[in-house]
């Protein structure tokens, strides 16, 4: 784990990112007070797939009925 001041972090940001990507934890401090930890993002988000919810939701005719006044009032607030 390495600690850098804000000034040094700004000056050497690309090197710090490389260190974080290599698995090292990088701490950025203001003076002697640690503020943030720079770590690599290791997980990737799953890709969205068109039609993934097909058949799992349905809309019937009641969906198009007007909302009751109390619900409309709640939305207006």
C-alpha atoms as a PDB file:
ATOM      1  CA  UNK A   1       0.000   0.000   0.000  1.00  0.00           C
ATOM      2  CA  UNK A   2       1.424   3.360  -1.074  1.00  0.00           C
ATOM      3  CA  UNK A   3       0.382   6.796   0.155  1.00  0.00           C
ATOM      4  CA  UNK A   4       0.672   9.963  -1.928  1.00  0.00           C
ATOM      5  CA  UNK A   5      -0.256  13.569  -1.267  1.00  0.00           C
ATOM      6  CA  UNK A   6      -2.800  15.285  -3.494  1.00  0.00           C
ATOM      7  CA  UNK A   7      -0.033  17.255  -5.178  1.00  0.00           C
ATOM      8  CA  UNK A   8       2.005  14.127  -5.975  1.00  0.00           C
ATOM      9  CA  UNK A   9      -1.129  12.248  -7.059  1.00  0.00           C
ATOM     10  CA  UNK A  10      -1.991  14.971  -9.566  1.00  0.00           C
ATOM     11  CA  UNK A  11       1.558  14.966 -10.873  1.00  0.00           C
ATOM     12  CA  UNK A  12       1.823  11.164 -11.202  1.00  0.00           C
ATOM     13  CA  UNK A  13      -1.787  10.115 -11.807  1.00  0.00           C
ATOM     14  CA  UNK A  14      -1.063   7.824 -14.753  1.00  0.00           C
ATOM     15  CA  UNK A  15       1.581   5.948 -12.718  1.00  0.00           C
ATOM     16  CA  UNK A  16      -0.819   5.600  -9.786  1.00  0.00           C
ATOM     17  CA  UNK A  17      -3.518   4.197 -12.055  1.00  0.00           C
ATOM     18  CA  UNK A  18      -1.032   1.649 -13.398  1.00  0.00           C
ATOM     19  CA  UNK A  19      -0.139   0.644  -9.834  1.00  0.00           C
ATOM     20  CA  UNK A  20      -3.806   0.237  -8.945  1.00  0.00           C
ATOM     21  CA  UNK A  21      -4.425  -1.861 -12.058  1.00  0.00           C
ATOM     22  CA  UNK A  22      -1.509  -4.070 -11.025  1.00  0.00           C
ATOM     23  CA  UNK A  23      -3.364  -4.816  -7.787  1.00  0.00           C
ATOM     24  CA  UNK A  24      -1.680  -2.378  -5.427  1.00  0.00           C
ATOM     25  CA  UNK A  25      -3.778  -0.170  -3.162  1.00  0.00           C
ATOM     26  CA  UNK A  26      -2.934   3.496  -3.552  1.00  0.00           C
ATOM     27  CA  UNK A  27      -3.950   5.951  -0.822  1.00  0.00           C
ATOM     28  CA  UNK A  28      -4.262   9.657  -1.615  1.00  0.00           C
ATOM     29  CA  UNK A  29      -3.965  11.978   1.372  1.00  0.00           C
ATOM     30  CA  UNK A  30      -4.299  15.667   2.078  1.00  0.00           C
ATOM     31  CA  UNK A  31      -1.326  16.343   4.279  1.00  0.00           C
ATOM     32  CA  UNK A  32      -1.295  13.383   6.681  1.00  0.00           C
ATOM     33  CA  UNK A  33      -5.050  12.763   6.465  1.00  0.00           C
ATOM     34  CA  UNK A  34      -5.911   9.850   4.118  1.00  0.00           C
ATOM     35  CA  UNK A  35      -8.841  10.813   1.876  1.00  0.00           C
ATOM     36  CA  UNK A  36      -9.345   8.163  -0.795  1.00  0.00           C
ATOM     37  CA  UNK A  37      -8.160   4.735  -1.862  1.00  0.00           C
ATOM     38  CA  UNK A  38      -7.466   4.132  -5.545  1.00  0.00           C
ATOM     39  CA  UNK A  39      -8.188   0.548  -6.573  1.00  0.00           C
ATOM     40  CA  UNK A  40      -8.808  -1.102  -9.917  1.00  0.00           C
ATOM     41  CA  UNK A  41     -12.302  -2.087 -10.976  1.00  0.00           C
ATOM     42  CA  UNK A  42     -12.184  -5.844 -11.257  1.00  0.00           C
ATOM     43  CA  UNK A  43     -15.731  -6.772 -12.141  1.00  0.00           C
ATOM     44  CA  UNK A  44     -17.510  -6.053 -15.366  1.00  0.00           C
ATOM     45  CA  UNK A  45     -21.210  -5.490 -15.721  1.00  0.00           C
ATOM     46  CA  UNK A  46     -23.218  -8.086 -17.574  1.00  0.00           C
ATOM     47  CA  UNK A  47     -24.371  -6.916 -20.966  1.00  0.00           C
ATOM     48  CA  UNK A  48     -28.045  -6.100 -21.393  1.00  0.00           C
ATOM     49  CA  UNK A  49     -29.866  -8.477 -23.656  1.00  0.00           C
ATOM     50  CA  UNK A  50     -32.855  -7.316 -25.704  1.00  0.00           C
ATOM     51  CA  UNK A  51     -35.950  -9.348 -24.855  1.00  0.00           C
ATOM     52  CA  UNK A  52     -34.574 -10.719 -21.576  1.00  0.00           C
ATOM     53  CA  UNK A  53     -37.917 -10.069 -19.799  1.00  0.00           C
ATOM     54  CA  UNK A  54     -40.060 -11.483 -22.589  1.00  0.00           C
ATOM     55  CA  UNK A  55     -43.043 -13.332 -21.152  1.00  0.00           C
ATOM     56  CA  UNK A  56     -42.372 -12.194 -17.569  1.00  0.00           C
ATOM     57  CA  UNK A  57     -44.603  -9.100 -17.558  1.00  0.00           C
ATOM     58  CA  UNK A  58     -47.990  -8.383 -19.032  1.00  0.00           C
ATOM     59  CA  UNK A  59     -50.224  -5.363 -19.447  1.00  0.00           C
ATOM     60  CA  UNK A  60     -53.966  -5.862 -19.336  1.00  0.00           C
ATOM     61  CA  UNK A  61     -56.761  -3.382 -20.096  1.00  0.00           C
ATOM     62  CA  UNK A  62     -56.811  -2.068 -16.493  1.00  0.00           C
ATOM     63  CA  UNK A  63     -53.399  -0.515 -17.130  1.00  0.00           C
ATOM     64  CA  UNK A  64     -55.064   2.127 -19.290  1.00  0.00           C
ATOM     65  CA  UNK A  65     -57.809   3.017 -16.776  1.00  0.00           C
ATOM     66  CA  UNK A  66     -57.514   6.491 -15.254  1.00  0.00           C
ATOM     67  CA  UNK A  67     -55.906   6.684 -11.815  1.00  0.00           C
ATOM     68  CA  UNK A  68     -58.112   7.432  -8.812  1.00  0.00           C
ATOM     69  CA  UNK A  69     -58.045  11.055  -7.611  1.00  0.00           C
ATOM     70  CA  UNK A  70     -56.080  10.256  -4.431  1.00  0.00           C
ATOM     71  CA  UNK A  71     -53.266   8.691  -6.471  1.00  0.00           C
ATOM     72  CA  UNK A  72     -53.239  11.588  -8.923  1.00  0.00           C
ATOM     73  CA  UNK A  73     -52.963  13.984  -5.988  1.00  0.00           C
ATOM     74  CA  UNK A  74     -50.052  12.009  -4.577  1.00  0.00           C
ATOM     75  CA  UNK A  75     -48.185  12.316  -7.911  1.00  0.00           C
ATOM     76  CA  UNK A  76     -48.844  16.065  -8.057  1.00  0.00           C
ATOM     77  CA  UNK A  77     -46.994  16.757  -4.797  1.00  0.00           C
END
